[in-house]
Amino acid sequence: MKIPVRQCAACRGRFEKRELLRIVRTPDGRIVPDEKGKTPGRGVYICRKEECLNKALRQNALSRALEAPVPPDTEETLRRIITEGNDG
């Protein structure tokens, strides 16, 4: 069975889909993290590393891929998810 592979929007590395964090622009226009990988909408993937999130935000890679600006509260949610995920 083939394992799905996706590319990080920041470092451009290719990883198994489950290793990455998916961020989605939902059909109603909200931008949300999608930890289950099932939310409908336009998605982009990033590594679960703070440096990749910072790079993606700094270079507007998420906004370009999602075709919408990433709200500050969503940025904070993404930082919390990545930070908490790296604690364990």
PDB file of N, CA and C in Angstrom:
ATOM      1  N   MET A   1       0.843  -1.189   0.000  1.00  0.00           N
ATOM      2  CA  MET A   1       0.000   0.000   0.000  1.00  0.00           C
ATOM      3  C   MET A   1       0.882   1.245   0.000  1.00  0.00           C
ATOM      4  N   LYS A   2       0.568   2.191  -0.885  1.00  0.00           N
ATOM      5  CA  LYS A   2       1.347   3.423  -0.966  1.00  0.00           C
ATOM      6  C   LYS A   2       0.978   4.363   0.174  1.00  0.00           C
ATOM      7  N   ILE A   3       1.997   5.025   0.719  1.00  0.00           N
ATOM      8  CA  ILE A   3       1.795   6.005   1.774  1.00  0.00           C
ATOM      9  C   ILE A   3       1.744   7.386   1.122  1.00  0.00           C
ATOM     10  N   PRO A   4       0.667   8.181   1.391  1.00  0.00           N
ATOM     11  CA  PRO A   4       0.570   9.503   0.782  1.00  0.00           C
ATOM     12  C   PRO A   4       1.715  10.413   1.234  1.00  0.00           C
ATOM     13  N   VAL A   5       2.291  11.144   0.283  1.00  0.00           N
ATOM     14  CA  VAL A   5       3.394  12.056   0.561  1.00  0.00           C
ATOM     15  C   VAL A   5       2.958  13.459   0.155  1.00  0.00           C
ATOM     16  N   ARG A   6       3.310  14.444   0.981  1.00  0.00           N
ATOM     17  CA  ARG A   6       2.994  15.841   0.694  1.00  0.00           C
ATOM     18  C   ARG A   6       4.243  16.681   0.887  1.00  0.00           C
ATOM     19  N   GLN A   7       4.222  17.902   0.347  1.00  0.00           N
ATOM     20  CA  GLN A   7       5.370  18.794   0.425  1.00  0.00           C
ATOM     21  C   GLN A   7       5.084  19.937   1.396  1.00  0.00           C
ATOM     22  N   CYS A   8       6.055  20.231   2.246  1.00  0.00           N
ATOM     23  CA  CYS A   8       5.957  21.352   3.183  1.00  0.00           C
ATOM     24  C   CYS A   8       6.034  22.658   2.385  1.00  0.00           C
ATOM     25  N   ALA A   9       5.119  23.585   2.659  1.00  0.00           N
ATOM     26  CA  ALA A   9       5.094  24.862   1.953  1.00  0.00           C
ATOM     27  C   ALA A   9       6.288  25.741   2.296  1.00  0.00           C
ATOM     28  N   ALA A  10       6.958  25.472   3.413  1.00  0.00           N
ATOM     29  CA  ALA A  10       8.083  26.308   3.839  1.00  0.00           C
ATOM     30  C   ALA A  10       9.422  25.744   3.380  1.00  0.00           C
ATOM     31  N   CYS A  11       9.764  24.540   3.834  1.00  0.00           N
ATOM     32  CA  CYS A  11      11.094  23.982   3.531  1.00  0.00           C
ATOM     33  C   CYS A  11      11.115  23.192   2.230  1.00  0.00           C
ATOM     34  N   ARG A  12       9.935  22.915   1.675  1.00  0.00           N
ATOM     35  CA  ARG A  12       9.767  22.179   0.429  1.00  0.00           C
ATOM     36  C   ARG A  12      10.161  20.705   0.535  1.00  0.00           C
ATOM     37  N   GLY A  13      10.402  20.234   1.755  1.00  0.00           N
ATOM     38  CA  GLY A  13      10.700  18.826   1.959  1.00  0.00           C
ATOM     39  C   GLY A  13       9.464  17.974   1.732  1.00  0.00           C
ATOM     40  N   ARG A  14       9.682  16.733   1.331  1.00  0.00           N
ATOM     41  CA  ARG A  14       8.567  15.808   1.098  1.00  0.00           C
ATOM     42  C   ARG A  14       8.504  14.820   2.252  1.00  0.00           C
ATOM     43  N   PHE A  15       7.313  14.694   2.844  1.00  0.00           N
ATOM     44  CA  PHE A  15       7.123  13.863   4.022  1.00  0.00           C
ATOM     45  C   PHE A  15       5.820  13.095   3.909  1.00  0.00           C
ATOM     46  N   GLU A  16       5.698  12.062   4.726  1.00  0.00           N
ATOM     47  CA  GLU A  16       4.422  11.358   4.801  1.00  0.00           C
ATOM     48  C   GLU A  16       3.367  12.340   5.291  1.00  0.00           C
ATOM     49  N   LYS A  17       2.197  12.235   4.719  1.00  0.00           N
ATOM     50  CA  LYS A  17       1.099  13.148   5.002  1.00  0.00           C
ATOM     51  C   LYS A  17       0.833  13.281   6.505  1.00  0.00           C
ATOM     52  N   ARG A  18       0.890  12.180   7.231  1.00  0.00           N
ATOM     53  CA  ARG A  18       0.559  12.204   8.664  1.00  0.00           C
ATOM     54  C   ARG A  18       1.601  12.925   9.509  1.00  0.00           C
ATOM     55  N   GLU A  19       2.799  13.164   8.963  1.00  0.00           N
ATOM     56  CA  GLU A  19       3.845  13.876   9.697  1.00  0.00           C
ATOM     57  C   GLU A  19       3.669  15.394   9.620  1.00  0.00           C
ATOM     58  N   LEU A  20       2.839  15.857   8.708  1.00  0.00           N
ATOM     59  CA  LEU A  20       2.672  17.286   8.468  1.00  0.00           C
ATOM     60  C   LEU A  20       1.379  17.807   9.083  1.00  0.00           C
ATOM     61  N   LEU A  21       1.310  19.124   9.220  1.00  0.00           N
ATOM     62  CA  LEU A  21       0.100  19.789   9.686  1.00  0.00           C
ATOM     63  C   LEU A  21      -0.587  20.407   8.470  1.00  0.00           C
ATOM     64  N   ARG A  22      -1.850  20.090   8.288  1.00  0.00           N
ATOM     65  CA  ARG A  22      -2.625  20.639   7.171  1.00  0.00           C
ATOM     66  C   ARG A  22      -3.370  21.867   7.659  1.00  0.00           C
ATOM     67  N   ILE A  23      -3.357  22.901   6.841  1.00  0.00           N
ATOM     68  CA  ILE A  23      -4.092  24.128   7.120  1.00  0.00           C
ATOM     69  C   ILE A  23      -5.060  24.311   5.957  1.00  0.00           C
ATOM     70  N   VAL A  24      -6.314  24.632   6.272  1.00  0.00           N
ATOM     71  CA  VAL A  24      -7.374  24.633   5.259  1.00  0.00           C
ATOM     72  C   VAL A  24      -8.111  25.965   5.211  1.00  0.00           C
ATOM     73  N   ARG A  25      -8.422  26.388   3.988  1.00  0.00           N
ATOM     74  CA  ARG A  25      -9.407  27.465   3.801  1.00  0.00           C
ATOM     75  C   ARG A  25     -10.712  26.759   3.491  1.00  0.00           C
ATOM     76  N   THR A  26     -11.647  26.837   4.417  1.00  0.00           N
ATOM     77  CA  THR A  26     -12.912  26.131   4.274  1.00  0.00           C
ATOM     78  C   THR A  26     -13.778  26.807   3.208  1.00  0.00           C
ATOM     79  N   PRO A  27     -14.808  26.110   2.726  1.00  0.00           N
ATOM     80  CA  PRO A  27     -15.688  26.710   1.712  1.00  0.00           C
ATOM     81  C   PRO A  27     -16.318  28.037   2.160  1.00  0.00           C
ATOM     82  N   ASP A  28     -16.481  28.226   3.485  1.00  0.00           N
ATOM     83  CA  ASP A  28     -17.048  29.497   3.965  1.00  0.00           C
ATOM     84  C   ASP A  28     -15.975  30.565   4.211  1.00  0.00           C
ATOM     85  N   GLY A  29     -14.704  30.268   3.864  1.00  0.00           N
ATOM     86  CA  GLY A  29     -13.649  31.263   3.917  1.00  0.00           C
ATOM     87  C   GLY A  29     -12.797  31.295   5.172  1.00  0.00           C
ATOM     88  N   ARG A  30     -13.130  30.488   6.168  1.00  0.00           N
ATOM     89  CA  ARG A  30     -12.310  30.457   7.392  1.00  0.00           C
ATOM     90  C   ARG A  30     -11.014  29.704   7.121  1.00  0.00           C
ATOM     91  N   ILE A  31      -9.942  30.099   7.818  1.00  0.00           N
ATOM     92  CA  ILE A  31      -8.672  29.379   7.724  1.00  0.00           C
ATOM     93  C   ILE A  31      -8.441  28.700   9.059  1.00  0.00           C
ATOM     94  N   VAL A  32      -8.359  27.361   9.006  1.00  0.00           N
ATOM     95  CA  VAL A  32      -8.282  26.571  10.235  1.00  0.00           C
ATOM     96  C   VAL A  32      -7.243  25.457  10.096  1.00  0.00           C
ATOM     97  N   PRO A  33      -6.623  25.073  11.233  1.00  0.00           N
ATOM     98  CA  PRO A  33      -5.755  23.888  11.205  1.00  0.00           C
ATOM     99  C   PRO A  33      -6.625  22.648  11.068  1.00  0.00           C
ATOM    100  N   ASP A  34      -6.133  21.669  10.357  1.00  0.00           N
ATOM    101  CA  ASP A  34      -6.890  20.439  10.114  1.00  0.00           C
ATOM    102  C   ASP A  34      -6.031  19.254  10.552  1.00  0.00           C
ATOM    103  N   GLU A  35      -6.064  18.945  11.837  1.00  0.00           N
ATOM    104  CA  GLU A  35      -5.206  17.884  12.373  1.00  0.00           C
ATOM    105  C   GLU A  35      -5.641  16.491  11.926  1.00  0.00           C
ATOM    106  N   LYS A  36      -6.898  16.327  11.563  1.00  0.00           N
ATOM    107  CA  LYS A  36      -7.388  15.021  11.117  1.00  0.00           C
ATOM    108  C   LYS A  36      -7.190  14.816   9.613  1.00  0.00           C
ATOM    109  N   GLY A  37      -6.987  15.915   8.869  1.00  0.00           N
ATOM    110  CA  GLY A  37      -6.790  15.815   7.431  1.00  0.00           C
ATOM    111  C   GLY A  37      -8.060  15.529   6.656  1.00  0.00           C
ATOM    112  N   LYS A  38      -9.213  15.837   7.225  1.00  0.00           N
ATOM    113  CA  LYS A  38     -10.488  15.510   6.589  1.00  0.00           C
ATOM    114  C   LYS A  38     -11.363  16.724   6.285  1.00  0.00           C
ATOM    115  N   THR A  39     -10.988  17.904   6.765  1.00  0.00           N
ATOM    116  CA  THR A  39     -11.817  19.091   6.573  1.00  0.00           C
ATOM    117  C   THR A  39     -11.868  19.452   5.087  1.00  0.00           C
ATOM    118  N   PRO A  40     -13.076  19.688   4.549  1.00  0.00           N
ATOM    119  CA  PRO A  40     -13.159  20.059   3.141  1.00  0.00           C
ATOM    120  C   PRO A  40     -12.629  21.468   2.915  1.00  0.00           C
ATOM    121  N   GLY A  41     -12.036  21.679   1.770  1.00  0.00           N
ATOM    122  CA  GLY A  41     -11.535  22.998   1.414  1.00  0.00           C
ATOM    123  C   GLY A  41     -10.147  22.921   0.816  1.00  0.00           C
ATOM    124  N   ARG A  42      -9.590  24.086   0.528  1.00  0.00           N
ATOM    125  CA  ARG A  42      -8.262  24.190  -0.076  1.00  0.00           C
ATOM    126  C   ARG A  42      -7.227  24.061   1.036  1.00  0.00           C
ATOM    127  N   GLY A  43      -6.305  23.108   0.901  1.00  0.00           N
ATOM    128  CA  GLY A  43      -5.339  22.845   1.961  1.00  0.00           C
ATOM    129  C   GLY A  43      -3.905  23.071   1.557  1.00  0.00           C
ATOM    130  N   VAL A  44      -3.082  23.291   2.578  1.00  0.00           N
ATOM    131  CA  VAL A  44      -1.642  23.417   2.414  1.00  0.00           C
ATOM    132  C   VAL A  44      -1.008  22.709   3.613  1.00  0.00           C
ATOM    133  N   TYR A  45       0.173  22.152   3.414  1.00  0.00           N
ATOM    134  CA  TYR A  45       0.841  21.396   4.464  1.00  0.00           C
ATOM    135  C   TYR A  45       2.130  22.085   4.894  1.00  0.00           C
ATOM    136  N   ILE A  46       2.424  21.997   6.211  1.00  0.00           N
ATOM    137  CA  ILE A  46       3.715  22.456   6.719  1.00  0.00           C
ATOM    138  C   ILE A  46       4.231  21.431   7.729  1.00  0.00           C
ATOM    139  N   CYS A  47       5.558  21.427   7.871  1.00  0.00           N
ATOM    140  CA  CYS A  47       6.189  20.583   8.894  1.00  0.00           C
ATOM    141  C   CYS A  47       5.714  21.032  10.266  1.00  0.00           C
ATOM    142  N   ARG A  48       5.756  20.138  11.205  1.00  0.00           N
ATOM    143  CA  ARG A  48       5.382  20.479  12.580  1.00  0.00           C
ATOM    144  C   ARG A  48       6.596  21.022  13.335  1.00  0.00           C
ATOM    145  N   LYS A  49       7.257  22.009  12.711  1.00  0.00           N
ATOM    146  CA  LYS A  49       8.430  22.650  13.301  1.00  0.00           C
ATOM    147  C   LYS A  49       8.182  24.149  13.325  1.00  0.00           C
ATOM    148  N   GLU A  50       8.584  24.775  14.414  1.00  0.00           N
ATOM    149  CA  GLU A  50       8.372  26.212  14.549  1.00  0.00           C
ATOM    150  C   GLU A  50       9.092  26.990  13.446  1.00  0.00           C
ATOM    151  N   GLU A  51      10.294  26.542  13.060  1.00  0.00           N
ATOM    152  CA  GLU A  51      11.027  27.272  12.025  1.00  0.00           C
ATOM    153  C   GLU A  51      10.313  27.211  10.676  1.00  0.00           C
ATOM    154  N   CYS A  52       9.642  26.109  10.382  1.00  0.00           N
ATOM    155  CA  CYS A  52       8.887  26.017   9.120  1.00  0.00           C
ATOM    156  C   CYS A  52       7.651  26.911   9.166  1.00  0.00           C
ATOM    157  N   LEU A  53       6.977  26.960  10.299  1.00  0.00           N
ATOM    158  CA  LEU A  53       5.821  27.848  10.423  1.00  0.00           C
ATOM    159  C   LEU A  53       6.262  29.296  10.266  1.00  0.00           C
ATOM    160  N   ASN A  54       7.345  29.674  10.954  1.00  0.00           N
ATOM    161  CA  ASN A  54       7.844  31.053  10.851  1.00  0.00           C
ATOM    162  C   ASN A  54       8.200  31.410   9.411  1.00  0.00           C
ATOM    163  N   LYS A  55       8.880  30.503   8.732  1.00  0.00           N
ATOM    164  CA  LYS A  55       9.283  30.739   7.343  1.00  0.00           C
ATOM    165  C   LYS A  55       8.063  30.865   6.437  1.00  0.00           C
ATOM    166  N   ALA A  56       7.089  29.977   6.614  1.00  0.00           N
ATOM    167  CA  ALA A  56       5.873  30.003   5.791  1.00  0.00           C
ATOM    168  C   ALA A  56       5.113  31.318   5.988  1.00  0.00           C
ATOM    169  N   LEU A  57       5.054  31.808   7.227  1.00  0.00           N
ATOM    170  CA  LEU A  57       4.366  33.067   7.495  1.00  0.00           C
ATOM    171  C   LEU A  57       5.162  34.252   6.962  1.00  0.00           C
ATOM    172  N   ARG A  58       6.466  34.245   7.180  1.00  0.00           N
ATOM    173  CA  ARG A  58       7.339  35.334   6.740  1.00  0.00           C
ATOM    174  C   ARG A  58       7.302  35.486   5.209  1.00  0.00           C
ATOM    175  N   GLN A  59       7.296  34.367   4.509  1.00  0.00           N
ATOM    176  CA  GLN A  59       7.307  34.397   3.042  1.00  0.00           C
ATOM    177  C   GLN A  59       5.904  34.390   2.426  1.00  0.00           C
ATOM    178  N   ASN A  60       4.884  34.462   3.268  1.00  0.00           N
ATOM    179  CA  ASN A  60       3.486  34.435   2.813  1.00  0.00           C
ATOM    180  C   ASN A  60       3.138  33.182   2.028  1.00  0.00           C
ATOM    181  N   ALA A  61       3.837  32.089   2.293  1.00  0.00           N
ATOM    182  CA  ALA A  61       3.582  30.836   1.572  1.00  0.00           C
ATOM    183  C   ALA A  61       2.185  30.298   1.871  1.00  0.00           C
ATOM    184  N   LEU A  62       1.733  30.424   3.117  1.00  0.00           N
ATOM    185  CA  LEU A  62       0.397  29.926   3.466  1.00  0.00           C
ATOM    186  C   LEU A  62      -0.674  30.765   2.779  1.00  0.00           C
ATOM    187  N   SER A  63      -0.533  32.079   2.845  1.00  0.00           N
ATOM    188  CA  SER A  63      -1.520  32.967   2.217  1.00  0.00           C
ATOM    189  C   SER A  63      -1.610  32.722   0.714  1.00  0.00           C
ATOM    190  N   ARG A  64      -0.457  32.542   0.063  1.00  0.00           N
ATOM    191  CA  ARG A  64      -0.457  32.277  -1.384  1.00  0.00           C
ATOM    192  C   ARG A  64      -1.136  30.953  -1.702  1.00  0.00           C
ATOM    193  N   ALA A  65      -0.780  29.915  -0.948  1.00  0.00           N
ATOM    194  CA  ALA A  65      -1.337  28.588  -1.221  1.00  0.00           C
ATOM    195  C   ALA A  65      -2.843  28.540  -0.946  1.00  0.00           C
ATOM    196  N   LEU A  66      -3.265  29.252   0.093  1.00  0.00           N
ATOM    197  CA  LEU A  66      -4.681  29.246   0.463  1.00  0.00           C
ATOM    198  C   LEU A  66      -5.485  30.312  -0.274  1.00  0.00           C
ATOM    199  N   GLU A  67      -4.775  31.197  -0.975  1.00  0.00           N
ATOM    200  CA  GLU A  67      -5.406  32.298  -1.704  1.00  0.00           C
ATOM    201  C   GLU A  67      -6.238  33.180  -0.782  1.00  0.00           C
ATOM    202  N   ALA A  68      -5.721  33.392   0.451  1.00  0.00           N
ATOM    203  CA  ALA A  68      -6.380  34.233   1.443  1.00  0.00           C
ATOM    204  C   ALA A  68      -5.375  34.555   2.551  1.00  0.00           C
ATOM    205  N   PRO A  69      -5.507  35.730   3.178  1.00  0.00           N
ATOM    206  CA  PRO A  69      -4.600  36.058   4.283  1.00  0.00           C
ATOM    207  C   PRO A  69      -4.873  35.179   5.502  1.00  0.00           C
ATOM    208  N   VAL A  70      -3.805  34.859   6.234  1.00  0.00           N
ATOM    209  CA  VAL A  70      -3.937  34.061   7.454  1.00  0.00           C
ATOM    210  C   VAL A  70      -4.156  35.025   8.619  1.00  0.00           C
ATOM    211  N   PRO A  71      -5.312  34.940   9.304  1.00  0.00           N
ATOM    212  CA  PRO A  71      -5.584  35.849  10.418  1.00  0.00           C
ATOM    213  C   PRO A  71      -4.617  35.630  11.591  1.00  0.00           C
ATOM    214  N   PRO A  72      -4.324  36.692  12.344  1.00  0.00           N
ATOM    215  CA  PRO A  72      -3.410  36.575  13.487  1.00  0.00           C
ATOM    216  C   PRO A  72      -3.843  35.522  14.511  1.00  0.00           C
ATOM    217  N   ASP A  73      -5.150  35.383  14.751  1.00  0.00           N
ATOM    218  CA  ASP A  73      -5.590  34.383  15.728  1.00  0.00           C
ATOM    219  C   ASP A  73      -5.315  32.963  15.220  1.00  0.00           C
ATOM    220  N   THR A  74      -5.382  32.760  13.917  1.00  0.00           N
ATOM    221  CA  THR A  74      -5.053  31.453  13.345  1.00  0.00           C
ATOM    222  C   THR A  74      -3.553  31.191  13.467  1.00  0.00           C
ATOM    223  N   GLU A  75      -2.735  32.237  13.264  1.00  0.00           N
ATOM    224  CA  GLU A  75      -1.286  32.099  13.444  1.00  0.00           C
ATOM    225  C   GLU A  75      -0.981  31.623  14.858  1.00  0.00           C
ATOM    226  N   GLU A  76      -1.635  32.220  15.847  1.00  0.00           N
ATOM    227  CA  GLU A  76      -1.403  31.841  17.245  1.00  0.00           C
ATOM    228  C   GLU A  76      -1.845  30.400  17.506  1.00  0.00           C
ATOM    229  N   THR A  77      -2.957  30.004  16.922  1.00  0.00           N
ATOM    230  CA  THR A  77      -3.435  28.626  17.079  1.00  0.00           C
ATOM    231  C   THR A  77      -2.419  27.647  16.484  1.00  0.00           C
ATOM    232  N   LEU A  78      -1.882  27.971  15.315  1.00  0.00           N
ATOM    233  CA  LEU A  78      -0.888  27.108  14.669  1.00  0.00           C
ATOM    234  C   LEU A  78       0.369  27.009  15.530  1.00  0.00           C
ATOM    235  N   ARG A  79       0.811  28.141  16.090  1.00  0.00           N
ATOM    236  CA  ARG A  79       1.994  28.129  16.962  1.00  0.00           C
ATOM    237  C   ARG A  79       1.763  27.231  18.177  1.00  0.00           C
ATOM    238  N   ARG A  80       0.574  27.332  18.765  1.00  0.00           N
ATOM    239  CA  ARG A  80       0.252  26.517  19.941  1.00  0.00           C
ATOM    240  C   ARG A  80       0.246  25.028  19.586  1.00  0.00           C
ATOM    241  N   ILE A  81      -0.351  24.676  18.471  1.00  0.00           N
ATOM    242  CA  ILE A  81      -0.398  23.268  18.044  1.00  0.00           C
ATOM    243  C   ILE A  81       1.015  22.727  17.846  1.00  0.00           C
ATOM    244  N   ILE A  82       1.849  23.487  17.174  1.00  0.00           N
ATOM    245  CA  ILE A  82       3.221  23.030  16.894  1.00  0.00           C
ATOM    246  C   ILE A  82       4.034  22.960  18.175  1.00  0.00           C
ATOM    247  N   THR A  83       3.920  23.974  19.043  1.00  0.00           N
ATOM    248  CA  THR A  83       4.675  23.992  20.303  1.00  0.00           C
ATOM    249  C   THR A  83       4.264  22.836  21.207  1.00  0.00           C
ATOM    250  N   GLU A  84       2.956  22.626  21.341  1.00  0.00           N
ATOM    251  CA  GLU A  84       2.471  21.538  22.202  1.00  0.00           C
ATOM    252  C   GLU A  84       2.846  20.181  21.634  1.00  0.00           C
ATOM    253  N   GLY A  85       2.829  20.075  20.317  1.00  0.00           N
ATOM    254  CA  GLY A  85       3.193  18.817  19.675  1.00  0.00           C
ATOM    255  C   GLY A  85       4.651  18.457  19.851  1.00  0.00           C
ATOM    256  N   ASN A  86       5.513  19.462  19.998  1.00  0.00           N
ATOM    257  CA  ASN A  86       6.935  19.219  20.154  1.00  0.00           C
ATOM    258  C   ASN A  86       7.359  19.029  21.600  1.00  0.00           C
ATOM    259  N   ASP A  87       6.442  19.245  22.544  1.00  0.00           N
ATOM    260  CA  ASP A  87       6.758  19.046  23.968  1.00  0.00           C
ATOM    261  C   ASP A  87       6.857  17.584  24.336  1.00  0.00           C
ATOM    262  N   GLY A  88       6.056  16.751  23.659  1.00  0.00           N
ATOM    263  CA  GLY A  88       5.971  15.351  24.052  1.00  0.00           C
ATOM    264  C   GLY A  88       6.852  14.435  23.386  1.00  0.00           C
TER     265      GLY A  88
END
